[in-house]
Amino acid sequence: MMVWRVLSAMNRWLLPSIHKVPDLTRLNGFQKAIVGWKMWVTYRHLEALKQKEKSPLKGENLPL
């Protein structure tokens, strides 16, 4: 669990945000790789939280 928490925090602080691109099909290969990496880490982090029976949807205060 700790690994996913750290990777998630690093994604937010180190990797560029690609929310300004209106059409994700126009991303270049590097930008697609960043989006894919962020999604993979986010899903793994949420799965780890689910296994501990915690969820950001339940209004619980979760650590980064």
PDB file of N, CA and C in Angstrom:
ATOM      1  N   MET A   1       0.830  -1.199   0.000  1.00  0.00           N
ATOM      2  CA  MET A   1       0.000   0.000   0.000  1.00  0.00           C
ATOM      3  C   MET A   1       0.868   1.254   0.000  1.00  0.00           C
ATOM      4  N   MET A   2       1.914   1.230   0.777  1.00  0.00           N
ATOM      5  CA  MET A   2       2.782   2.396   0.890  1.00  0.00           C
ATOM      6  C   MET A   2       3.408   2.755  -0.458  1.00  0.00           C
ATOM      7  N   VAL A   3       3.726   1.742  -1.255  1.00  0.00           N
ATOM      8  CA  VAL A   3       4.341   1.984  -2.562  1.00  0.00           C
ATOM      9  C   VAL A   3       3.405   2.790  -3.458  1.00  0.00           C
ATOM     10  N   TRP A   4       2.139   2.397  -3.486  1.00  0.00           N
ATOM     11  CA  TRP A   4       1.176   3.092  -4.353  1.00  0.00           C
ATOM     12  C   TRP A   4       0.923   4.505  -3.867  1.00  0.00           C
ATOM     13  N   ARG A   5       0.937   4.706  -2.554  1.00  0.00           N
ATOM     14  CA  ARG A   5       0.753   6.045  -1.994  1.00  0.00           C
ATOM     15  C   ARG A   5       1.896   6.959  -2.422  1.00  0.00           C
ATOM     16  N   VAL A   6       3.104   6.451  -2.352  1.00  0.00           N
ATOM     17  CA  VAL A   6       4.282   7.245  -2.737  1.00  0.00           C
ATOM     18  C   VAL A   6       4.266   7.527  -4.237  1.00  0.00           C
ATOM     19  N   LEU A   7       3.994   6.511  -5.040  1.00  0.00           N
ATOM     20  CA  LEU A   7       3.944   6.719  -6.486  1.00  0.00           C
ATOM     21  C   LEU A   7       2.841   7.697  -6.882  1.00  0.00           C
ATOM     22  N   SER A   8       1.721   7.627  -6.213  1.00  0.00           N
ATOM     23  CA  SER A   8       0.625   8.550  -6.506  1.00  0.00           C
ATOM     24  C   SER A   8       1.028   9.993  -6.188  1.00  0.00           C
ATOM     25  N   ALA A   9       1.683  10.180  -5.060  1.00  0.00           N
ATOM     26  CA  ALA A   9       2.135  11.527  -4.694  1.00  0.00           C
ATOM     27  C   ALA A   9       3.192  12.031  -5.681  1.00  0.00           C
ATOM     28  N   MET A  10       4.097  11.156  -6.094  1.00  0.00           N
ATOM     29  CA  MET A  10       5.130  11.559  -7.060  1.00  0.00           C
ATOM     30  C   MET A  10       4.500  11.929  -8.402  1.00  0.00           C
ATOM     31  N   ASN A  11       3.459  11.204  -8.798  1.00  0.00           N
ATOM     32  CA  ASN A  11       2.773  11.532 -10.053  1.00  0.00           C
ATOM     33  C   ASN A  11       2.220  12.950 -10.014  1.00  0.00           C
ATOM     34  N   ARG A  12       1.615  13.306  -8.894  1.00  0.00           N
ATOM     35  CA  ARG A  12       1.007  14.636  -8.791  1.00  0.00           C
ATOM     36  C   ARG A  12       2.054  15.742  -8.829  1.00  0.00           C
ATOM     37  N   TRP A  13       3.193  15.515  -8.204  1.00  0.00           N
ATOM     38  CA  TRP A  13       4.177  16.594  -8.078  1.00  0.00           C
ATOM     39  C   TRP A  13       5.186  16.650  -9.211  1.00  0.00           C
ATOM     40  N   LEU A  14       5.531  15.513  -9.796  1.00  0.00           N
ATOM     41  CA  LEU A  14       6.619  15.491 -10.764  1.00  0.00           C
ATOM     42  C   LEU A  14       6.169  15.449 -12.220  1.00  0.00           C
ATOM     43  N   LEU A  15       5.106  14.733 -12.495  1.00  0.00           N
ATOM     44  CA  LEU A  15       4.695  14.579 -13.889  1.00  0.00           C
ATOM     45  C   LEU A  15       3.774  15.712 -14.318  1.00  0.00           C
ATOM     46  N   PRO A  16       3.891  16.105 -15.583  1.00  0.00           N
ATOM     47  CA  PRO A  16       3.040  17.199 -16.055  1.00  0.00           C
ATOM     48  C   PRO A  16       1.580  16.791 -16.121  1.00  0.00           C
ATOM     49  N   SER A  17       0.726  17.765 -15.947  1.00  0.00           N
ATOM     50  CA  SER A  17      -0.709  17.541 -16.048  1.00  0.00           C
ATOM     51  C   SER A  17      -1.121  17.733 -17.498  1.00  0.00           C
ATOM     52  N   ILE A  18      -1.955  16.851 -17.990  1.00  0.00           N
ATOM     53  CA  ILE A  18      -2.346  16.903 -19.400  1.00  0.00           C
ATOM     54  C   ILE A  18      -3.839  17.208 -19.513  1.00  0.00           C
ATOM     55  N   HIS A  19      -4.372  17.928 -18.558  1.00  0.00           N
ATOM     56  CA  HIS A  19      -5.804  18.224 -18.571  1.00  0.00           C
ATOM     57  C   HIS A  19      -6.174  19.334 -19.544  1.00  0.00           C
ATOM     58  N   LYS A  20      -5.201  20.043 -20.071  1.00  0.00           N
ATOM     59  CA  LYS A  20      -5.504  21.157 -20.971  1.00  0.00           C
ATOM     60  C   LYS A  20      -5.744  20.702 -22.408  1.00  0.00           C
ATOM     61  N   VAL A  21      -5.402  19.466 -22.713  1.00  0.00           N
ATOM     62  CA  VAL A  21      -5.602  18.944 -24.060  1.00  0.00           C
ATOM     63  C   VAL A  21      -7.041  18.444 -24.163  1.00  0.00           C
ATOM     64  N   PRO A  22      -7.841  19.070 -25.024  1.00  0.00           N
ATOM     65  CA  PRO A  22      -9.259  18.692 -25.095  1.00  0.00           C
ATOM     66  C   PRO A  22      -9.487  17.317 -25.718  1.00  0.00           C
ATOM     67  N   ASP A  23      -8.593  16.875 -26.580  1.00  0.00           N
ATOM     68  CA  ASP A  23      -8.776  15.615 -27.290  1.00  0.00           C
ATOM     69  C   ASP A  23      -7.565  14.717 -27.028  1.00  0.00           C
ATOM     70  N   LEU A  24      -7.774  13.656 -26.263  1.00  0.00           N
ATOM     71  CA  LEU A  24      -6.659  12.784 -25.892  1.00  0.00           C
ATOM     72  C   LEU A  24      -6.092  12.011 -27.074  1.00  0.00           C
ATOM     73  N   THR A  25      -6.813  11.951 -28.186  1.00  0.00           N
ATOM     74  CA  THR A  25      -6.284  11.250 -29.353  1.00  0.00           C
ATOM     75  C   THR A  25      -5.188  12.059 -30.040  1.00  0.00           C
ATOM     76  N   ARG A  26      -5.056  13.313 -29.697  1.00  0.00           N
ATOM     77  CA  ARG A  26      -4.029  14.163 -30.307  1.00  0.00           C
ATOM     78  C   ARG A  26      -2.742  14.223 -29.489  1.00  0.00           C
ATOM     79  N   LEU A  27      -2.642  13.417 -28.478  1.00  0.00           N
ATOM     80  CA  LEU A  27      -1.417  13.388 -27.673  1.00  0.00           C
ATOM     81  C   LEU A  27      -0.307  12.677 -28.428  1.00  0.00           C
ATOM     82  N   ASN A  28       0.936  13.099 -28.159  1.00  0.00           N
ATOM     83  CA  ASN A  28       2.044  12.369 -28.760  1.00  0.00           C
ATOM     84  C   ASN A  28       2.343  11.138 -27.902  1.00  0.00           C
ATOM     85  N   GLY A  29       3.281  10.334 -28.320  1.00  0.00           N
ATOM     86  CA  GLY A  29       3.567   9.071 -27.636  1.00  0.00           C
ATOM     87  C   GLY A  29       3.987   9.246 -26.189  1.00  0.00           C
ATOM     88  N   PHE A  30       4.821  10.247 -25.909  1.00  0.00           N
ATOM     89  CA  PHE A  30       5.283  10.486 -24.544  1.00  0.00           C
ATOM     90  C   PHE A  30       4.122  10.892 -23.639  1.00  0.00           C
ATOM     91  N   GLN A  31       3.249  11.749 -24.125  1.00  0.00           N
ATOM     92  CA  GLN A  31       2.095  12.182 -23.341  1.00  0.00           C
ATOM     93  C   GLN A  31       1.136  11.018 -23.086  1.00  0.00           C
ATOM     94  N   LYS A  32       0.958  10.141 -24.069  1.00  0.00           N
ATOM     95  CA  LYS A  32       0.120   8.959 -23.872  1.00  0.00           C
ATOM     96  C   LYS A  32       0.722   8.049 -22.808  1.00  0.00           C
ATOM     97  N   ALA A  33       2.033   7.933 -22.812  1.00  0.00           N
ATOM     98  CA  ALA A  33       2.698   7.101 -21.807  1.00  0.00           C
ATOM     99  C   ALA A  33       2.492   7.678 -20.408  1.00  0.00           C
ATOM    100  N   ILE A  34       2.541   9.004 -20.270  1.00  0.00           N
ATOM    101  CA  ILE A  34       2.310   9.649 -18.976  1.00  0.00           C
ATOM    102  C   ILE A  34       0.882   9.392 -18.501  1.00  0.00           C
ATOM    103  N   VAL A  35      -0.083   9.553 -19.386  1.00  0.00           N
ATOM    104  CA  VAL A  35      -1.487   9.313 -19.026  1.00  0.00           C
ATOM    105  C   VAL A  35      -1.678   7.856 -18.613  1.00  0.00           C
ATOM    106  N   GLY A  36      -1.106   6.948 -19.367  1.00  0.00           N
ATOM    107  CA  GLY A  36      -1.219   5.530 -19.044  1.00  0.00           C
ATOM    108  C   GLY A  36      -0.591   5.196 -17.702  1.00  0.00           C
ATOM    109  N   TRP A  37       0.586   5.742 -17.440  1.00  0.00           N
ATOM    110  CA  TRP A  37       1.261   5.512 -16.158  1.00  0.00           C
ATOM    111  C   TRP A  37       0.429   6.042 -14.993  1.00  0.00           C
ATOM    112  N   LYS A  38      -0.085   7.258 -15.138  1.00  0.00           N
ATOM    113  CA  LYS A  38      -0.896   7.854 -14.072  1.00  0.00           C
ATOM    114  C   LYS A  38      -2.151   7.026 -13.806  1.00  0.00           C
ATOM    115  N   MET A  39      -2.784   6.539 -14.859  1.00  0.00           N
ATOM    116  CA  MET A  39      -3.981   5.719 -14.691  1.00  0.00           C
ATOM    117  C   MET A  39      -3.640   4.406 -13.997  1.00  0.00           C
ATOM    118  N   TRP A  40      -2.551   3.768 -14.401  1.00  0.00           N
ATOM    119  CA  TRP A  40      -2.157   2.485 -13.822  1.00  0.00           C
ATOM    120  C   TRP A  40      -1.880   2.630 -12.332  1.00  0.00           C
ATOM    121  N   VAL A  41      -1.125   3.661 -11.953  1.00  0.00           N
ATOM    122  CA  VAL A  41      -0.807   3.877 -10.542  1.00  0.00           C
ATOM    123  C   VAL A  41      -2.072   4.217  -9.754  1.00  0.00           C
ATOM    124  N   THR A  42      -2.945   5.034 -10.325  1.00  0.00           N
ATOM    125  CA  THR A  42      -4.184   5.409  -9.643  1.00  0.00           C
ATOM    126  C   THR A  42      -5.062   4.187  -9.392  1.00  0.00           C
ATOM    127  N   TYR A  43      -5.219   3.335 -10.397  1.00  0.00           N
ATOM    128  CA  TYR A  43      -6.027   2.126 -10.218  1.00  0.00           C
ATOM    129  C   TYR A  43      -5.427   1.201  -9.172  1.00  0.00           C
ATOM    130  N   ARG A  44      -4.119   1.037  -9.175  1.00  0.00           N
ATOM    131  CA  ARG A  44      -3.459   0.180  -8.186  1.00  0.00           C
ATOM    132  C   ARG A  44      -3.620   0.748  -6.775  1.00  0.00           C
ATOM    133  N   HIS A  45      -3.519   2.067  -6.645  1.00  0.00           N
ATOM    134  CA  HIS A  45      -3.685   2.710  -5.342  1.00  0.00           C
ATOM    135  C   HIS A  45      -5.112   2.513  -4.833  1.00  0.00           C
ATOM    136  N   LEU A  46      -6.094   2.687  -5.707  1.00  0.00           N
ATOM    137  CA  LEU A  46      -7.489   2.498  -5.302  1.00  0.00           C
ATOM    138  C   LEU A  46      -7.781   1.048  -4.945  1.00  0.00           C
ATOM    139  N   GLU A  47      -7.182   0.106  -5.666  1.00  0.00           N
ATOM    140  CA  GLU A  47      -7.356  -1.310  -5.332  1.00  0.00           C
ATOM    141  C   GLU A  47      -6.760  -1.630  -3.970  1.00  0.00           C
ATOM    142  N   ALA A  48      -5.601  -1.041  -3.656  1.00  0.00           N
ATOM    143  CA  ALA A  48      -4.979  -1.259  -2.349  1.00  0.00           C
ATOM    144  C   ALA A  48      -5.858  -0.689  -1.237  1.00  0.00           C
ATOM    145  N   LEU A  49      -6.476   0.463  -1.485  1.00  0.00           N
ATOM    146  CA  LEU A  49      -7.391   1.043  -0.500  1.00  0.00           C
ATOM    147  C   LEU A  49      -8.632   0.172  -0.338  1.00  0.00           C
ATOM    148  N   LYS A  50      -9.106  -0.377  -1.436  1.00  0.00           N
ATOM    149  CA  LYS A  50     -10.294  -1.228  -1.394  1.00  0.00           C
ATOM    150  C   LYS A  50     -10.029  -2.484  -0.563  1.00  0.00           C
ATOM    151  N   GLN A  51      -8.829  -3.024  -0.675  1.00  0.00           N
ATOM    152  CA  GLN A  51      -8.486  -4.208   0.102  1.00  0.00           C
ATOM    153  C   GLN A  51      -8.436  -3.910   1.597  1.00  0.00           C
ATOM    154  N   LYS A  52      -8.112  -2.687   1.946  1.00  0.00           N
ATOM    155  CA  LYS A  52      -8.101  -2.285   3.352  1.00  0.00           C
ATOM    156  C   LYS A  52      -9.461  -1.748   3.784  1.00  0.00           C
ATOM    157  N   GLU A  53     -10.443  -1.864   2.902  1.00  0.00           N
ATOM    158  CA  GLU A  53     -11.808  -1.415   3.157  1.00  0.00           C
ATOM    159  C   GLU A  53     -11.899   0.083   3.443  1.00  0.00           C
ATOM    160  N   LYS A  54     -11.104   0.845   2.732  1.00  0.00           N
ATOM    161  CA  LYS A  54     -11.172   2.302   2.793  1.00  0.00           C
ATOM    162  C   LYS A  54     -11.487   2.791   1.392  1.00  0.00           C
ATOM    163  N   SER A  55     -12.173   3.890   1.323  1.00  0.00           N
ATOM    164  CA  SER A  55     -12.536   4.420   0.020  1.00  0.00           C
ATOM    165  C   SER A  55     -12.683   5.933   0.091  1.00  0.00           C
ATOM    166  N   PRO A  56     -12.151   6.636  -0.913  1.00  0.00           N
ATOM    167  CA  PRO A  56     -12.365   8.083  -0.945  1.00  0.00           C
ATOM    168  C   PRO A  56     -13.830   8.431  -1.173  1.00  0.00           C
ATOM    169  N   LEU A  57     -14.622   7.475  -1.646  1.00  0.00           N
ATOM    170  CA  LEU A  57     -16.036   7.736  -1.899  1.00  0.00           C
ATOM    171  C   LEU A  57     -16.876   7.670  -0.633  1.00  0.00           C
ATOM    172  N   LYS A  58     -16.334   7.101   0.436  1.00  0.00           N
ATOM    173  CA  LYS A  58     -17.066   6.989   1.681  1.00  0.00           C
ATOM    174  C   LYS A  58     -16.849   8.205   2.591  1.00  0.00           C
ATOM    175  N   GLY A  59     -16.118   9.194   2.107  1.00  0.00           N
ATOM    176  CA  GLY A  59     -15.894  10.395   2.893  1.00  0.00           C
ATOM    177  C   GLY A  59     -14.818  10.245   3.950  1.00  0.00           C
ATOM    178  N   GLU A  60     -14.026   9.204   3.861  1.00  0.00           N
ATOM    179  CA  GLU A  60     -12.967   9.006   4.838  1.00  0.00           C
ATOM    180  C   GLU A  60     -11.769   9.876   4.500  1.00  0.00           C
ATOM    181  N   ASN A  61     -11.080  10.361   5.506  1.00  0.00           N
ATOM    182  CA  ASN A  61      -9.853  11.098   5.285  1.00  0.00           C
ATOM    183  C   ASN A  61      -8.748  10.098   5.004  1.00  0.00           C
ATOM    184  N   LEU A  62      -8.231  10.134   3.790  1.00  0.00           N
ATOM    185  CA  LEU A  62      -7.205   9.191   3.398  1.00  0.00           C
ATOM    186  C   LEU A  62      -5.863   9.884   3.312  1.00  0.00           C
ATOM    187  N   PRO A  63      -4.791   9.209   3.671  1.00  0.00           N
ATOM    188  CA  PRO A  63      -3.461   9.802   3.513  1.00  0.00           C
ATOM    189  C   PRO A  63      -3.102   9.872   2.052  1.00  0.00           C
ATOM    190  N   LEU A  64      -2.155  10.732   1.716  1.00  0.00           N
ATOM    191  CA  LEU A  64      -1.711  10.835   0.326  1.00  0.00           C
ATOM    192  C   LEU A  64      -1.197   9.544  -0.102  1.00  0.00           C
TER     193      LEU A  64
END
